[in-house]
C-alpha cells in the first residue's frame, strides 16, 4: 500500500519518464544520423516502458511536462544533441534517487535503475559531433582571445585613455591574432600523427572562436567614452564568456565545471590586472598623452 507521500514520488518519477520519452522521440525525429536516431528511438521505448511500470503502481495516467519537452528538444537542435542529452541526464540522476526510496514498495524497481545506468553509458558513446570533435580548437581560440585581448585592452586603457582608439587597436590586434592562431592550428593539425580532424575545419573553429571573442570584448570601447567603465564591462564580458563556454563543455564532456571555470577566470582576470599596471607604468615612463 502506497502512502500519499510515496505515491507523490512515484507520480513524479512517472511524469519524468514520460517527459523523457517525448524528448527522445522529438530528438530522434530531428537527428540527421540514422544510427543516432535508432539509438534514441530505442531509449524512447525503454522510457515508455518505465512509465508504464510506474503506471502499474499508481494506477494513474499522467502527461509529459510540455515545457521540458520543448526546452530539451530546442537545446538538442540548436546547441547540439550531445549537450542536450547530457543536460537532461542530470535530471535522470535525480530520478535514480527517487527510485532508491521506492524499493520498499516496488522491489523490481531495481530493473528501472539498471536501465537508467545503461542509458548513461549509451549516451556517452552516442554522439560524435564536429562541435565536440573540434572542441580543442575552439578552446584554443577562446583561451587565447580571452587572455590576450583582455590583457591588451587593459594595457591600452591607461596608456592611451581614448575608448575609440583602444577599441580600434584591440579590434585590429585581435583580427590579426585570430588569423595567426588559425594558421598555426592548421599547421599543427595537419602534422598530427592521428588524422582524425580536418586541418581546415580545425583552423576555422579556432579563427571563428577567436574573432567572436574579440568582437564581444572590444564592444564596450565603441559604446562608451569612460575608459574605466569600458574596461570593467570588458572584464565582466570575459568572465561571462568563460562561464558559458565552460558550462557547455563541462556538460557535454562530463568534466568538472567549477574547477575549470575558476581556473580560467582567475587566470584571465590576473593577467588583465598585471597588464593594466604595465599600461599605467608605460604611460608615465614614456610620457604618452593621447
Protein backbone atom coordinates (compact mmCIF):
# COMPACT_ATOMS: atom_id res chain seq x y z
CA UNK A 1 0.00 0.00 0.00
CA UNK A 2 1.43 3.35 -1.07
CA UNK A 3 1.35 6.24 1.34
CA UNK A 4 0.32 9.60 -0.09
CA UNK A 5 3.91 10.86 0.18
CA UNK A 6 5.35 7.81 -1.58
CA UNK A 7 2.68 7.90 -4.27
CA UNK A 8 3.57 11.54 -4.97
CA UNK A 9 7.19 10.47 -5.51
CA UNK A 10 6.14 7.66 -7.84
CA UNK A 11 3.98 10.06 -9.83
CA UNK A 12 6.92 12.50 -10.07
CA UNK A 13 9.16 9.72 -11.42
CA UNK A 14 6.37 8.59 -13.75
CA UNK A 15 6.00 12.11 -15.14
CA UNK A 16 9.75 12.38 -15.68
CA UNK A 17 9.83 9.10 -17.61
CA UNK A 18 7.03 10.11 -20.00
CA UNK A 19 8.64 13.53 -20.41
CA UNK A 20 11.99 11.97 -21.31
CA UNK A 21 10.21 9.57 -23.66
CA UNK A 22 8.69 12.54 -25.50
CA UNK A 23 12.06 14.33 -25.64
CA UNK A 24 13.84 11.28 -27.08
CA UNK A 25 11.11 10.88 -29.69
CA UNK A 26 11.44 14.52 -30.75
CA UNK A 27 15.25 14.35 -30.90
CA UNK A 28 15.12 11.08 -32.85
CA UNK A 29 12.91 12.76 -35.46
CA UNK A 30 15.39 15.61 -35.88
CA UNK A 31 18.58 13.50 -35.77
CA UNK A 32 20.41 13.57 -39.11
CA UNK A 33 22.44 10.44 -38.38
CA UNK A 34 20.30 7.29 -38.77
CA UNK A 35 22.36 5.37 -36.22
CA UNK A 36 21.85 8.12 -33.66
CA UNK A 37 18.13 8.23 -34.44
CA UNK A 38 17.87 4.45 -33.96
CA UNK A 39 19.50 4.58 -30.53
CA UNK A 40 17.30 7.50 -29.48
CA UNK A 41 14.19 5.60 -30.57
CA UNK A 42 15.31 2.55 -28.59
CA UNK A 43 15.83 4.62 -25.45
CA UNK A 44 12.46 6.33 -26.02
CA UNK A 45 10.75 2.93 -26.00
CA UNK A 46 12.53 1.97 -22.78
CA UNK A 47 11.46 5.24 -21.16
CA UNK A 48 7.88 4.45 -22.18
CA UNK A 49 8.30 1.03 -20.56
CA UNK A 50 9.44 2.72 -17.34
CA UNK A 51 6.42 4.99 -17.49
CA UNK A 52 4.08 2.01 -17.84
CA UNK A 53 5.87 0.32 -14.94
CA UNK A 54 5.14 3.27 -12.69
CA UNK A 55 1.60 3.49 -14.05
CA UNK A 56 1.01 -0.09 -12.88
CA UNK A 57 1.98 1.04 -9.37
CA UNK A 58 -0.03 4.28 -9.24
CA UNK A 59 -2.94 3.26 -11.45
CA UNK A 60 -2.91 6.76 -12.95
CA UNK A 61 -2.19 8.23 -16.36
CA UNK A 62 -0.07 11.35 -16.44
CA UNK A 63 1.10 13.54 -19.29
CA UNK A 64 4.62 14.82 -20.02
CA UNK A 65 5.92 18.19 -18.94
CA UNK A 66 5.44 20.00 -22.26
CA UNK A 67 7.76 22.85 -21.32
CA UNK A 68 10.59 20.42 -20.64
CA UNK A 69 9.93 18.63 -23.92
CA UNK A 70 10.09 21.94 -25.82
CA UNK A 71 13.14 23.09 -23.85
CA UNK A 72 15.31 19.98 -24.25
CA UNK A 73 14.26 19.47 -27.87
CA UNK A 74 15.24 23.07 -28.64
CA UNK A 75 18.56 22.70 -26.79
CA UNK A 76 19.34 19.48 -28.64
CA UNK A 77 18.64 21.00 -32.04
CA UNK A 78 20.43 24.32 -31.51
CA UNK A 79 23.33 23.60 -29.14
CA UNK A 80 23.99 20.01 -30.12
CA UNK A 81 22.39 16.66 -29.49
CA UNK A 82 25.19 15.61 -27.14
CA UNK A 83 24.85 18.71 -24.97
CA UNK A 84 21.06 18.43 -24.81
CA UNK A 85 21.17 14.77 -23.80
CA UNK A 86 23.87 15.25 -21.18
CA UNK A 87 21.95 18.19 -19.73
CA UNK A 88 18.87 16.02 -19.48
CA UNK A 89 20.96 13.26 -17.86
CA UNK A 90 21.42 15.48 -14.84
CA UNK A 91 17.70 15.10 -14.23
CA UNK A 92 17.99 11.32 -14.53
CA UNK A 93 20.37 11.27 -11.57
CA UNK A 94 17.61 12.88 -9.51
CA UNK A 95 15.19 10.23 -10.71
CA UNK A 96 17.55 7.47 -9.57
CA UNK A 97 17.44 8.90 -6.04
CA UNK A 98 13.65 8.66 -6.14
CA UNK A 99 13.86 5.05 -7.39
CA UNK A 100 16.04 4.11 -4.42
CA UNK A 101 13.36 5.30 -1.99
CA UNK A 102 10.72 3.27 -3.83
CA UNK A 103 12.37 -0.15 -3.46
CA UNK A 104 10.35 -0.95 -0.36
CA UNK A 105 7.06 -0.50 -2.24
CA UNK A 106 8.25 -1.91 -5.58
CA UNK A 107 11.21 -4.34 -5.32
CA UNK A 108 11.51 -4.72 -9.11
CA UNK A 109 12.33 -1.01 -9.37
CA UNK A 110 16.00 -2.12 -9.48
CA UNK A 111 15.49 -3.06 -13.13
CA UNK A 112 14.49 0.52 -13.89
CA UNK A 113 17.62 1.84 -12.18
CA UNK A 114 19.83 -0.52 -14.21
CA UNK A 115 18.14 0.66 -17.40
CA UNK A 116 18.90 4.28 -16.47
CA UNK A 117 22.57 3.40 -15.90
CA UNK A 118 22.67 1.64 -19.27
CA UNK A 119 21.18 4.77 -20.87
CA UNK A 120 24.03 6.83 -19.44
CA UNK A 121 26.63 4.52 -20.97
CA UNK A 122 24.84 4.57 -24.32
CA UNK A 123 24.63 8.35 -24.29
CA UNK A 124 28.36 8.71 -23.63
CA UNK A 125 29.18 6.87 -26.86
CA UNK A 126 26.20 8.16 -28.80
CA UNK A 127 27.31 11.37 -30.45
CA UNK A 128 30.36 12.36 -32.45
CA UNK A 129 29.60 15.93 -33.45
CA UNK A 130 32.04 18.32 -35.09
CA UNK A 131 31.45 20.84 -32.32
CA UNK A 132 32.82 18.32 -29.81
CA UNK A 133 35.39 16.73 -32.11
CA UNK A 134 36.97 20.14 -32.62
CA UNK A 135 36.36 21.43 -29.12
CA UNK A 136 40.12 21.60 -28.51
CA UNK A 137 40.41 24.01 -31.44
CA UNK A 138 37.58 26.15 -30.06
CA UNK A 139 39.20 26.14 -26.61
CA UNK A 140 42.49 27.24 -28.17
CA UNK A 141 40.81 30.22 -29.85
CA UNK A 142 38.75 31.17 -26.81
CA UNK A 143 41.55 30.87 -24.28
CA UNK A 144 44.00 32.90 -26.32
CA UNK A 145 41.46 35.57 -27.20
CA UNK A 146 40.16 35.91 -23.65
CA UNK A 147 43.60 36.19 -22.09
CA UNK A 148 45.48 38.06 -24.81
CA UNK A 149 42.82 40.55 -25.86
CA UNK A 150 41.51 41.31 -22.37
CA UNK A 151 45.10 41.92 -21.31
CA UNK A 152 45.79 44.01 -24.41
CA UNK A 153 42.84 46.39 -23.97
CA UNK A 154 43.62 46.63 -20.25
CA UNK A 155 47.15 47.74 -21.11
CA UNK A 156 45.88 50.20 -23.71
CA UNK A 157 43.27 51.64 -21.33
CA UNK A 158 45.60 53.72 -19.19
CA UNK A 159 48.33 54.06 -21.79
CA UNK A 160 46.02 55.68 -24.38
CA UNK A 161 42.86 56.77 -22.46
CA UNK A 162 40.75 57.03 -25.62
CA UNK A 163 37.99 54.43 -25.88
CA UNK A 164 37.52 54.57 -29.66
CA UNK A 165 41.26 54.34 -30.26
CA UNK A 166 41.56 51.47 -27.78
CA UNK A 167 38.64 49.67 -29.41
CA UNK A 168 40.09 50.12 -32.89
CA UNK A 169 43.56 48.91 -31.85
CA UNK A 170 42.03 45.99 -29.95
CA UNK A 171 39.96 45.01 -32.99
CA UNK A 172 42.91 45.19 -35.40
CA UNK A 173 45.17 43.31 -32.98
CA UNK A 174 42.50 40.69 -32.36
CA UNK A 175 41.77 40.01 -36.03
CA UNK A 176 45.48 39.73 -36.81
CA UNK A 177 45.96 37.36 -33.86
CA UNK A 178 42.94 35.30 -34.94
CA UNK A 179 44.40 34.76 -38.42
CA UNK A 180 47.75 33.86 -36.89
CA UNK A 181 46.16 31.39 -34.49
CA UNK A 182 44.06 29.83 -37.27
CA UNK A 183 47.17 29.36 -39.43
CA UNK A 184 49.08 27.82 -36.51
CA UNK A 185 46.20 25.44 -35.75
CA UNK A 186 46.02 24.43 -39.42
CA UNK A 187 49.72 23.54 -39.49
CA UNK A 188 49.61 21.79 -36.11
CA UNK A 189 46.56 19.68 -37.04
CA UNK A 190 47.95 18.86 -40.47
CA UNK A 191 51.10 17.39 -38.96
CA UNK A 192 49.41 15.50 -36.13
CA UNK A 193 50.02 11.77 -36.14
CA UNK A 194 46.31 10.98 -35.70
CA UNK A 195 44.47 12.25 -38.76
CA UNK A 196 41.01 12.30 -37.18
CA UNK A 197 40.49 16.04 -37.68
CA UNK A 198 40.32 18.13 -40.83
CA UNK A 199 43.02 20.85 -40.57
CA UNK A 200 40.80 23.30 -42.47
CA UNK A 201 37.92 22.79 -40.04
CA UNK A 202 40.26 22.94 -37.04
CA UNK A 203 41.70 26.27 -38.20
CA UNK A 204 38.21 27.59 -38.96
CA UNK A 205 36.91 26.72 -35.49
CA UNK A 206 39.96 28.35 -33.90
CA UNK A 207 39.74 31.51 -36.00
CA UNK A 208 35.99 31.97 -35.66
CA UNK A 209 36.01 31.44 -31.88
CA UNK A 210 38.89 33.92 -31.54
CA UNK A 211 37.21 36.60 -33.66
CA UNK A 212 33.89 36.04 -31.87
CA UNK A 213 35.51 36.74 -28.51
CA UNK A 214 37.35 39.77 -29.94
CA UNK A 215 34.07 41.31 -31.13
CA UNK A 216 32.48 40.82 -27.72
CA UNK A 217 35.41 42.18 -25.71
CA UNK A 218 36.04 45.37 -27.71
CA UNK A 219 32.34 46.29 -27.97
CA UNK A 220 32.22 48.37 -24.74
CA UNK A 221 35.01 50.65 -26.06
CA UNK A 222 32.85 51.58 -29.06
CA UNK A 223 29.72 52.12 -26.96
CA UNK A 224 31.08 54.17 -24.05
CA UNK A 225 33.54 57.03 -23.58
CA UNK A 226 34.53 56.26 -19.99
CA UNK A 227 37.70 54.12 -20.13
CA UNK A 228 37.17 52.53 -16.70
CA UNK A 229 33.55 51.61 -17.41
CA UNK A 230 34.62 50.11 -20.75
CA UNK A 231 37.36 48.07 -19.10
CA UNK A 232 35.03 46.86 -16.34
CA UNK A 233 32.44 45.74 -18.90
CA UNK A 234 35.14 44.01 -20.96
CA UNK A 235 36.32 42.05 -17.91
CA UNK A 236 32.73 41.12 -17.00
CA UNK A 237 32.04 40.00 -20.57
CA UNK A 238 35.23 37.91 -20.49
CA UNK A 239 34.12 36.19 -17.27
CA UNK A 240 30.61 35.64 -18.69
CA UNK A 241 32.09 34.12 -21.86
CA UNK A 242 34.26 31.82 -19.75
CA UNK A 243 31.21 30.82 -17.69
CA UNK A 244 29.02 30.00 -20.70
CA UNK A 245 31.63 28.07 -22.64
CA UNK A 246 32.97 26.19 -19.60
CA UNK A 247 29.43 25.16 -18.68
CA UNK A 248 28.77 23.92 -22.22
CA UNK A 249 31.96 21.86 -22.42
CA UNK A 250 31.60 20.55 -18.87
CA UNK A 251 28.09 19.25 -19.53
CA UNK A 252 28.90 17.84 -22.99
CA UNK A 253 32.10 16.12 -21.88
CA UNK A 254 31.18 15.36 -18.27
CA UNK A 255 34.02 17.46 -16.85
CA UNK A 256 34.30 19.44 -13.62
CA UNK A 257 32.68 22.82 -14.25
CA UNK A 258 33.59 24.63 -11.05
CA UNK A 259 37.32 23.82 -11.22
CA UNK A 260 37.71 24.73 -14.90
CA UNK A 261 35.72 27.94 -14.61
CA UNK A 262 37.58 29.10 -11.50
CA UNK A 263 40.98 28.36 -13.02
CA UNK A 264 40.26 30.11 -16.31
CA UNK A 265 38.55 33.13 -14.71
CA UNK A 266 41.37 33.70 -12.21
CA UNK A 267 44.00 33.39 -14.94
CA UNK A 268 42.22 35.84 -17.24
CA UNK A 269 41.49 38.44 -14.54
CA UNK A 270 45.01 38.19 -13.06
CA UNK A 271 46.75 38.76 -16.38
CA UNK A 272 44.37 41.64 -17.12
CA UNK A 273 45.28 43.30 -13.82
CA UNK A 274 49.01 42.90 -14.49
CA UNK A 275 48.82 44.41 -17.97
CA UNK A 276 46.66 47.24 -16.65
CA UNK A 277 49.51 48.12 -14.29
CA UNK A 278 52.01 47.77 -17.14
CA UNK A 279 49.95 50.24 -19.18
CA UNK A 280 49.91 52.65 -16.25
CA UNK A 281 53.70 52.39 -15.91
CA UNK A 282 54.25 52.77 -19.66
CA UNK A 283 52.18 55.95 -19.74
CA UNK A 284 54.38 57.54 -17.04
CA UNK A 285 57.71 56.21 -18.33
CA UNK A 286 57.18 57.23 -21.97
CA UNK A 287 55.06 60.28 -21.27
CA UNK A 288 52.26 59.22 -23.64
CA UNK A 289 49.38 61.72 -23.77
CA UNK A 290 46.64 60.79 -26.23
